[in-house]
């Protein structure tokens, strides 16, 4: 579903209210406090939001492996830098069901196209996808091509 991306006049940060049905679908109704959500950059105009604790072990294992490899392989050092920049901490305010997007998250959404006054919010396997309008439309067209049928009526 599409949601409005609002601009906080006080600090110019972008914020999004996550609909109840999305929170319930991914089991996030119990999140408390801020900084419990991390955004994974999936591509231009596409962020996948995870509970920080649900991917912490996986992220730590990847970092440990890359750090070990970096001692012998310069390419692993570059992969480590890419891995670190792939994740963005997002402030989440459960009492308002609101995410506050830092500038780097807004830039990822904007890189999918020009229109960032709305984005598409979708539950997916325990996470939440945020898609720019342009990325959402491109994904729909690509899916139609993969499935081999027109999904619209």
N, C-alpha and C. Protein backbone atom coordinates (compact mmCIF):
# COMPACT_ATOMS: atom_id res chain seq x y z
N UNK A 1 0.83 -1.16 0.00
CA UNK A 1 0.00 0.00 0.00
C UNK A 1 0.88 1.24 0.00
N UNK A 2 0.41 2.28 -0.63
CA UNK A 2 1.17 3.52 -0.69
C UNK A 2 0.91 4.34 0.56
N UNK A 3 1.95 4.95 1.08
CA UNK A 3 1.85 5.83 2.24
C UNK A 3 2.54 7.15 1.91
N UNK A 4 2.11 8.19 2.59
CA UNK A 4 2.69 9.50 2.38
C UNK A 4 4.03 9.60 3.11
N UNK A 5 5.01 10.16 2.44
CA UNK A 5 6.30 10.45 3.06
C UNK A 5 6.24 11.91 3.47
N UNK A 6 6.21 12.15 4.77
CA UNK A 6 6.07 13.51 5.27
C UNK A 6 7.43 14.09 5.61
N UNK A 7 7.52 15.41 5.57
CA UNK A 7 8.74 16.09 5.97
C UNK A 7 8.48 16.77 7.30
N UNK A 8 9.30 16.43 8.28
CA UNK A 8 9.21 17.03 9.60
C UNK A 8 9.75 18.45 9.50
N UNK A 9 8.91 19.44 9.74
CA UNK A 9 9.31 20.84 9.57
C UNK A 9 10.42 21.25 10.55
N UNK A 10 10.45 20.62 11.71
CA UNK A 10 11.42 20.98 12.74
C UNK A 10 12.85 20.64 12.32
N UNK A 11 13.07 19.41 11.86
CA UNK A 11 14.44 19.02 11.53
C UNK A 11 14.61 18.55 10.09
N UNK A 12 13.58 18.72 9.28
CA UNK A 12 13.60 18.41 7.84
C UNK A 12 13.80 16.93 7.54
N UNK A 13 13.62 16.07 8.53
CA UNK A 13 13.74 14.63 8.31
C UNK A 13 12.46 14.11 7.66
N UNK A 14 12.59 13.06 6.88
CA UNK A 14 11.42 12.42 6.28
C UNK A 14 10.90 11.36 7.23
N UNK A 15 9.59 11.21 7.27
CA UNK A 15 9.01 10.20 8.15
C UNK A 15 7.86 9.50 7.45
N UNK A 16 7.64 8.27 7.88
CA UNK A 16 6.61 7.41 7.29
C UNK A 16 5.87 6.74 8.43
N UNK A 17 4.55 6.73 8.34
CA UNK A 17 3.74 5.97 9.30
C UNK A 17 3.47 4.59 8.70
N UNK A 18 3.83 3.56 9.44
CA UNK A 18 3.66 2.19 8.97
C UNK A 18 2.25 1.73 9.34
N UNK A 19 1.45 1.32 8.37
CA UNK A 19 0.08 0.89 8.66
C UNK A 19 0.01 -0.33 9.58
N UNK A 20 -1.05 -0.39 10.38
CA UNK A 20 -1.26 -1.49 11.34
C UNK A 20 -1.14 -2.85 10.68
N UNK A 21 -1.79 -3.03 9.53
CA UNK A 21 -1.81 -4.34 8.89
C UNK A 21 -0.42 -4.80 8.46
N UNK A 22 0.45 -3.86 8.13
CA UNK A 22 1.83 -4.22 7.77
C UNK A 22 2.59 -4.66 9.02
N UNK A 23 2.46 -3.89 10.11
CA UNK A 23 3.13 -4.25 11.37
C UNK A 23 2.69 -5.62 11.86
N UNK A 24 1.40 -5.88 11.78
CA UNK A 24 0.87 -7.17 12.23
C UNK A 24 1.36 -8.31 11.32
N UNK A 25 1.40 -8.07 10.02
CA UNK A 25 1.81 -9.11 9.07
C UNK A 25 3.25 -9.56 9.29
N UNK A 26 4.11 -8.65 9.76
CA UNK A 26 5.52 -9.01 9.96
C UNK A 26 5.87 -9.25 11.42
N UNK A 27 4.88 -9.16 12.31
CA UNK A 27 5.11 -9.44 13.72
C UNK A 27 5.89 -8.37 14.45
N UNK A 28 5.69 -7.12 14.09
CA UNK A 28 6.42 -6.02 14.72
C UNK A 28 5.60 -5.27 15.74
N UNK A 29 4.47 -5.76 16.12
CA UNK A 29 3.60 -5.05 17.06
C UNK A 29 4.27 -4.85 18.41
N UNK A 30 5.28 -5.66 18.75
CA UNK A 30 5.92 -5.58 20.06
C UNK A 30 7.20 -4.73 20.08
N UNK A 31 7.57 -4.10 18.97
CA UNK A 31 8.78 -3.28 18.97
C UNK A 31 8.66 -2.14 19.97
N UNK A 32 9.71 -1.88 20.70
CA UNK A 32 9.74 -0.81 21.70
C UNK A 32 10.95 0.09 21.45
N UNK A 33 10.79 1.35 21.71
CA UNK A 33 11.91 2.28 21.63
C UNK A 33 12.39 2.56 20.22
N UNK A 34 13.43 3.34 20.14
CA UNK A 34 13.97 3.72 18.84
C UNK A 34 15.16 2.84 18.48
N UNK A 35 15.55 2.91 17.25
CA UNK A 35 16.73 2.23 16.72
C UNK A 35 16.65 0.71 16.79
N UNK A 36 15.47 0.16 16.72
CA UNK A 36 15.34 -1.29 16.67
C UNK A 36 15.15 -1.79 15.25
N UNK A 37 15.23 -0.88 14.30
CA UNK A 37 15.01 -1.22 12.90
C UNK A 37 16.24 -0.82 12.10
N UNK A 38 16.63 -1.69 11.17
CA UNK A 38 17.74 -1.38 10.28
C UNK A 38 17.27 -1.59 8.85
N UNK A 39 17.65 -0.66 7.98
CA UNK A 39 17.26 -0.74 6.57
C UNK A 39 18.41 -1.33 5.76
N UNK A 40 18.09 -2.31 4.96
CA UNK A 40 19.06 -2.91 4.05
C UNK A 40 18.83 -2.32 2.67
N UNK A 41 19.87 -1.76 2.07
CA UNK A 41 19.76 -1.21 0.72
C UNK A 41 19.71 -2.38 -0.25
N UNK A 42 18.58 -2.51 -0.96
CA UNK A 42 18.39 -3.61 -1.91
C UNK A 42 18.61 -3.17 -3.36
N UNK A 43 18.60 -1.87 -3.58
CA UNK A 43 18.79 -1.32 -4.92
C UNK A 43 18.22 0.07 -4.97
N UNK A 44 18.36 0.75 -6.10
CA UNK A 44 17.81 2.10 -6.22
C UNK A 44 16.30 2.10 -5.94
N UNK A 45 15.89 2.95 -5.01
CA UNK A 45 14.47 3.06 -4.69
C UNK A 45 13.92 1.92 -3.86
N UNK A 46 14.79 1.09 -3.25
CA UNK A 46 14.31 -0.09 -2.52
C UNK A 46 15.10 -0.28 -1.23
N UNK A 47 14.39 -0.18 -0.11
CA UNK A 47 14.95 -0.48 1.20
C UNK A 47 14.15 -1.64 1.80
N UNK A 48 14.83 -2.55 2.46
CA UNK A 48 14.14 -3.62 3.19
C UNK A 48 14.44 -3.41 4.67
N UNK A 49 13.39 -3.20 5.45
CA UNK A 49 13.52 -2.95 6.87
C UNK A 49 13.46 -4.26 7.65
N UNK A 50 14.42 -4.42 8.55
CA UNK A 50 14.51 -5.61 9.40
C UNK A 50 14.50 -5.19 10.86
N UNK A 51 14.00 -6.06 11.71
CA UNK A 51 14.23 -5.88 13.14
C UNK A 51 15.74 -6.04 13.32
N UNK A 52 16.32 -5.13 14.03
CA UNK A 52 17.78 -5.15 14.20
C UNK A 52 18.25 -6.47 14.80
N UNK A 53 17.52 -6.96 15.79
CA UNK A 53 17.94 -8.20 16.45
C UNK A 53 17.78 -9.44 15.58
N UNK A 54 16.92 -9.37 14.56
CA UNK A 54 16.69 -10.55 13.71
C UNK A 54 17.82 -10.81 12.72
N UNK A 55 18.63 -9.80 12.43
CA UNK A 55 19.72 -9.99 11.47
C UNK A 55 21.10 -9.72 12.08
N UNK A 56 21.14 -9.44 13.37
CA UNK A 56 22.41 -9.08 14.02
C UNK A 56 23.44 -10.20 13.92
N UNK A 57 23.04 -11.44 14.19
CA UNK A 57 23.99 -12.56 14.14
C UNK A 57 24.52 -12.78 12.73
N UNK A 58 23.63 -12.70 11.74
CA UNK A 58 24.04 -12.88 10.35
C UNK A 58 25.02 -11.78 9.93
N UNK A 59 24.72 -10.54 10.29
CA UNK A 59 25.62 -9.43 9.95
C UNK A 59 26.97 -9.60 10.62
N UNK A 60 26.98 -9.99 11.89
CA UNK A 60 28.23 -10.18 12.63
C UNK A 60 29.07 -11.29 12.01
N UNK A 61 28.44 -12.37 11.57
CA UNK A 61 29.16 -13.48 10.95
C UNK A 61 29.80 -13.04 9.63
N UNK A 62 29.07 -12.26 8.85
CA UNK A 62 29.62 -11.76 7.58
C UNK A 62 30.82 -10.85 7.84
N UNK A 63 30.68 -9.95 8.81
CA UNK A 63 31.78 -9.04 9.14
C UNK A 63 33.00 -9.82 9.60
N UNK A 64 32.80 -10.81 10.46
CA UNK A 64 33.92 -11.62 10.95
C UNK A 64 34.63 -12.33 9.81
N UNK A 65 33.87 -12.90 8.90
CA UNK A 65 34.45 -13.60 7.75
C UNK A 65 35.24 -12.64 6.87
N UNK A 66 34.66 -11.47 6.58
CA UNK A 66 35.33 -10.50 5.72
C UNK A 66 36.57 -9.92 6.39
N UNK A 67 36.51 -9.69 7.68
CA UNK A 67 37.68 -9.18 8.40
C UNK A 67 38.82 -10.19 8.36
N UNK A 68 38.47 -11.46 8.50
CA UNK A 68 39.49 -12.52 8.45
C UNK A 68 40.11 -12.59 7.05
N UNK A 69 39.27 -12.50 6.03
CA UNK A 69 39.76 -12.55 4.64
C UNK A 69 40.55 -11.30 4.27
N UNK A 70 40.21 -10.15 4.88
CA UNK A 70 40.85 -8.88 4.53
C UNK A 70 42.35 -8.89 4.84
N UNK A 71 42.77 -9.73 5.79
CA UNK A 71 44.18 -9.83 6.13
C UNK A 71 45.00 -10.33 4.95
N UNK A 72 44.37 -11.12 4.06
CA UNK A 72 45.08 -11.71 2.93
C UNK A 72 44.58 -11.22 1.57
N UNK A 73 43.43 -10.57 1.56
CA UNK A 73 42.79 -10.23 0.28
C UNK A 73 42.25 -8.80 0.34
N UNK A 74 42.81 -7.92 -0.47
CA UNK A 74 42.37 -6.52 -0.48
C UNK A 74 40.92 -6.39 -0.94
N UNK A 75 40.46 -7.27 -1.78
CA UNK A 75 39.07 -7.22 -2.26
C UNK A 75 38.09 -7.43 -1.10
N UNK A 76 38.48 -8.23 -0.12
CA UNK A 76 37.62 -8.47 1.04
C UNK A 76 37.45 -7.20 1.86
N UNK A 77 38.47 -6.37 1.88
CA UNK A 77 38.38 -5.09 2.59
C UNK A 77 37.34 -4.19 1.92
N UNK A 78 37.33 -4.21 0.60
CA UNK A 78 36.31 -3.44 -0.15
C UNK A 78 34.92 -4.01 0.10
N UNK A 79 34.81 -5.34 0.11
CA UNK A 79 33.52 -5.97 0.39
C UNK A 79 33.03 -5.62 1.79
N UNK A 80 33.95 -5.51 2.73
CA UNK A 80 33.59 -5.13 4.09
C UNK A 80 33.02 -3.71 4.12
N UNK A 81 33.66 -2.81 3.41
CA UNK A 81 33.17 -1.43 3.34
C UNK A 81 31.77 -1.38 2.71
N UNK A 82 31.57 -2.15 1.65
CA UNK A 82 30.26 -2.21 0.99
C UNK A 82 29.22 -2.78 1.94
N UNK A 83 29.61 -3.82 2.66
CA UNK A 83 28.67 -4.43 3.62
C UNK A 83 28.22 -3.42 4.67
N UNK A 84 29.16 -2.67 5.22
CA UNK A 84 28.82 -1.69 6.25
C UNK A 84 27.90 -0.59 5.71
N UNK A 85 28.11 -0.16 4.48
CA UNK A 85 27.27 0.91 3.93
C UNK A 85 25.93 0.40 3.42
N UNK A 86 25.75 -0.90 3.41
CA UNK A 86 24.50 -1.48 2.93
C UNK A 86 23.37 -1.35 3.96
N UNK A 87 23.71 -1.12 5.22
CA UNK A 87 22.72 -1.07 6.30
C UNK A 87 22.65 0.32 6.91
N UNK A 88 21.43 0.79 7.13
CA UNK A 88 21.18 2.12 7.66
C UNK A 88 20.27 1.98 8.88
N UNK A 89 20.69 2.53 10.00
CA UNK A 89 19.84 2.50 11.19
C UNK A 89 18.69 3.48 11.01
N UNK A 90 17.51 3.01 11.36
CA UNK A 90 16.29 3.81 11.21
C UNK A 90 15.67 4.01 12.59
N UNK A 91 15.31 5.23 12.91
CA UNK A 91 14.61 5.49 14.16
C UNK A 91 13.14 5.11 13.98
N UNK A 92 12.65 4.29 14.90
CA UNK A 92 11.25 3.86 14.86
C UNK A 92 10.59 4.27 16.16
N UNK A 93 9.42 4.89 16.07
CA UNK A 93 8.67 5.35 17.22
C UNK A 93 7.38 4.55 17.30
N UNK A 94 7.36 3.49 18.13
CA UNK A 94 6.21 2.58 18.15
C UNK A 94 4.91 3.22 18.58
N UNK A 95 4.97 4.21 19.46
CA UNK A 95 3.72 4.83 19.91
C UNK A 95 2.98 5.53 18.78
N UNK A 96 3.72 5.93 17.75
CA UNK A 96 3.11 6.59 16.58
C UNK A 96 3.20 5.72 15.33
N UNK A 97 3.82 4.54 15.44
CA UNK A 97 4.06 3.64 14.30
C UNK A 97 4.77 4.38 13.17
N UNK A 98 5.75 5.20 13.55
CA UNK A 98 6.40 6.08 12.61
C UNK A 98 7.88 5.77 12.50
N UNK A 99 8.39 5.79 11.28
CA UNK A 99 9.81 5.67 10.99
C UNK A 99 10.33 7.05 10.63
N UNK A 100 11.52 7.38 11.12
CA UNK A 100 12.16 8.62 10.69
C UNK A 100 13.36 8.24 9.85
N UNK A 101 13.34 8.66 8.60
CA UNK A 101 14.37 8.26 7.65
C UNK A 101 15.52 9.25 7.63
N UNK A 102 16.74 8.78 7.89
CA UNK A 102 17.89 9.67 7.76
C UNK A 102 18.17 9.98 6.28
N UNK A 103 19.00 10.95 6.05
CA UNK A 103 19.27 11.41 4.69
C UNK A 103 19.71 10.29 3.76
N UNK A 104 20.58 9.38 4.22
CA UNK A 104 21.05 8.33 3.32
C UNK A 104 19.92 7.40 2.90
N UNK A 105 18.95 7.16 3.77
CA UNK A 105 17.79 6.33 3.39
C UNK A 105 16.92 7.05 2.37
N UNK A 106 16.74 8.36 2.56
CA UNK A 106 15.95 9.15 1.61
C UNK A 106 16.63 9.16 0.24
N UNK A 107 17.96 9.25 0.24
CA UNK A 107 18.69 9.25 -1.03
C UNK A 107 18.52 7.93 -1.77
N UNK A 108 18.48 6.81 -1.05
CA UNK A 108 18.26 5.51 -1.69
C UNK A 108 16.88 5.48 -2.32
N UNK A 109 15.86 5.94 -1.60
CA UNK A 109 14.51 5.96 -2.16
C UNK A 109 14.43 6.91 -3.35
N UNK A 110 15.08 8.07 -3.24
CA UNK A 110 15.05 9.04 -4.34
C UNK A 110 15.81 8.54 -5.56
N UNK A 111 16.80 7.66 -5.37
CA UNK A 111 17.58 7.17 -6.50
C UNK A 111 16.76 6.27 -7.41
N UNK A 112 15.60 5.84 -6.95
CA UNK A 112 14.72 5.02 -7.77
C UNK A 112 13.85 5.85 -8.68
N UNK A 113 13.93 7.16 -8.57
CA UNK A 113 13.12 8.06 -9.39
C UNK A 113 12.98 9.40 -8.71
N UNK A 114 12.13 10.22 -9.26
CA UNK A 114 11.97 11.59 -8.78
C UNK A 114 10.99 11.73 -7.62
N UNK A 115 10.00 10.86 -7.53
CA UNK A 115 8.87 11.04 -6.65
C UNK A 115 9.08 10.39 -5.29
N UNK A 116 9.40 11.19 -4.26
CA UNK A 116 9.55 10.60 -2.93
C UNK A 116 8.54 11.18 -1.94
N UNK A 117 7.45 11.73 -2.45
CA UNK A 117 6.41 12.19 -1.53
C UNK A 117 5.50 11.04 -1.10
N UNK A 118 5.63 9.90 -1.79
CA UNK A 118 4.92 8.68 -1.41
C UNK A 118 5.86 7.50 -1.65
N UNK A 119 5.64 6.45 -0.89
CA UNK A 119 6.38 5.22 -1.16
C UNK A 119 5.45 4.05 -0.91
N UNK A 120 5.82 2.91 -1.44
CA UNK A 120 5.02 1.71 -1.29
C UNK A 120 5.58 0.92 -0.12
N UNK A 121 4.72 0.51 0.79
CA UNK A 121 5.10 -0.25 1.98
C UNK A 121 4.48 -1.63 1.85
N UNK A 122 5.32 -2.67 1.96
CA UNK A 122 4.83 -4.02 1.76
C UNK A 122 5.51 -4.98 2.74
N UNK A 123 4.71 -5.82 3.43
CA UNK A 123 5.32 -6.84 4.29
C UNK A 123 5.92 -7.94 3.43
N UNK A 124 7.10 -8.45 3.84
CA UNK A 124 7.73 -9.53 3.11
C UNK A 124 8.60 -10.35 4.06
N UNK A 125 8.22 -11.59 4.33
CA UNK A 125 9.01 -12.54 5.14
C UNK A 125 9.61 -11.93 6.40
N UNK A 126 8.81 -11.39 7.27
CA UNK A 126 9.30 -10.84 8.53
C UNK A 126 9.98 -9.50 8.42
N UNK A 127 9.95 -8.90 7.25
CA UNK A 127 10.57 -7.59 7.03
C UNK A 127 9.55 -6.70 6.32
N UNK A 128 9.93 -5.46 6.11
CA UNK A 128 9.05 -4.50 5.43
C UNK A 128 9.83 -3.89 4.28
N UNK A 129 9.27 -3.96 3.08
CA UNK A 129 9.89 -3.30 1.94
C UNK A 129 9.34 -1.89 1.79
N UNK A 130 10.25 -0.94 1.56
CA UNK A 130 9.90 0.42 1.18
C UNK A 130 10.37 0.60 -0.25
N UNK A 131 9.45 0.97 -1.12
CA UNK A 131 9.79 1.14 -2.54
C UNK A 131 9.34 2.52 -3.01
N UNK A 132 10.19 3.18 -3.78
CA UNK A 132 9.75 4.42 -4.41
C UNK A 132 8.65 4.06 -5.41
N UNK A 133 7.87 5.03 -5.80
CA UNK A 133 6.79 4.79 -6.76
C UNK A 133 7.34 4.20 -8.06
N UNK A 134 8.44 4.76 -8.54
CA UNK A 134 9.03 4.30 -9.80
C UNK A 134 9.55 2.87 -9.68
N UNK A 135 10.18 2.54 -8.57
CA UNK A 135 10.67 1.18 -8.36
C UNK A 135 9.52 0.20 -8.24
N UNK A 136 8.47 0.60 -7.55
CA UNK A 136 7.27 -0.24 -7.44
C UNK A 136 6.71 -0.55 -8.82
N UNK A 137 6.56 0.47 -9.66
CA UNK A 137 6.01 0.27 -11.01
C UNK A 137 6.92 -0.62 -11.85
N UNK A 138 8.22 -0.39 -11.79
CA UNK A 138 9.17 -1.20 -12.55
C UNK A 138 9.12 -2.65 -12.10
N UNK A 139 8.98 -2.88 -10.81
CA UNK A 139 8.90 -4.23 -10.29
C UNK A 139 7.63 -4.92 -10.76
N UNK A 140 6.53 -4.19 -10.82
CA UNK A 140 5.27 -4.76 -11.30
C UNK A 140 5.39 -5.20 -12.76
N UNK A 141 5.99 -4.35 -13.58
CA UNK A 141 6.17 -4.67 -15.00
C UNK A 141 7.08 -5.88 -15.16
N UNK A 142 8.18 -5.90 -14.38
CA UNK A 142 9.11 -7.03 -14.45
C UNK A 142 8.43 -8.33 -14.01
N UNK A 143 7.60 -8.25 -13.01
CA UNK A 143 6.90 -9.44 -12.52
C UNK A 143 5.94 -9.98 -13.58
N UNK A 144 5.27 -9.08 -14.27
CA UNK A 144 4.38 -9.52 -15.35
C UNK A 144 5.15 -10.27 -16.43
N UNK A 145 6.36 -9.78 -16.73
CA UNK A 145 7.19 -10.43 -17.75
C UNK A 145 7.65 -11.80 -17.27
N UNK A 146 8.00 -11.92 -15.99
CA UNK A 146 8.45 -13.20 -15.44
C UNK A 146 7.33 -14.22 -15.44
N UNK A 147 6.16 -13.78 -14.99
CA UNK A 147 5.01 -14.68 -14.89
C UNK A 147 4.46 -15.00 -16.28
N UNK A 148 4.64 -14.08 -17.20
CA UNK A 148 4.20 -14.31 -18.58
C UNK A 148 2.73 -13.98 -18.82
N UNK A 149 2.13 -13.31 -17.85
CA UNK A 149 0.74 -12.87 -18.03
C UNK A 149 0.63 -11.44 -17.57
N UNK A 150 -0.36 -10.76 -18.06
CA UNK A 150 -0.62 -9.42 -17.60
C UNK A 150 -1.42 -9.52 -16.30
N UNK A 151 -0.89 -8.90 -15.23
CA UNK A 151 -1.51 -9.02 -13.93
C UNK A 151 -2.64 -8.04 -13.74
N UNK A 152 -2.75 -7.07 -14.62
CA UNK A 152 -3.84 -6.09 -14.48
C UNK A 152 -5.07 -6.56 -15.23
N UNK A 153 -6.19 -5.98 -14.89
CA UNK A 153 -7.44 -6.36 -15.55
C UNK A 153 -7.70 -5.48 -16.74
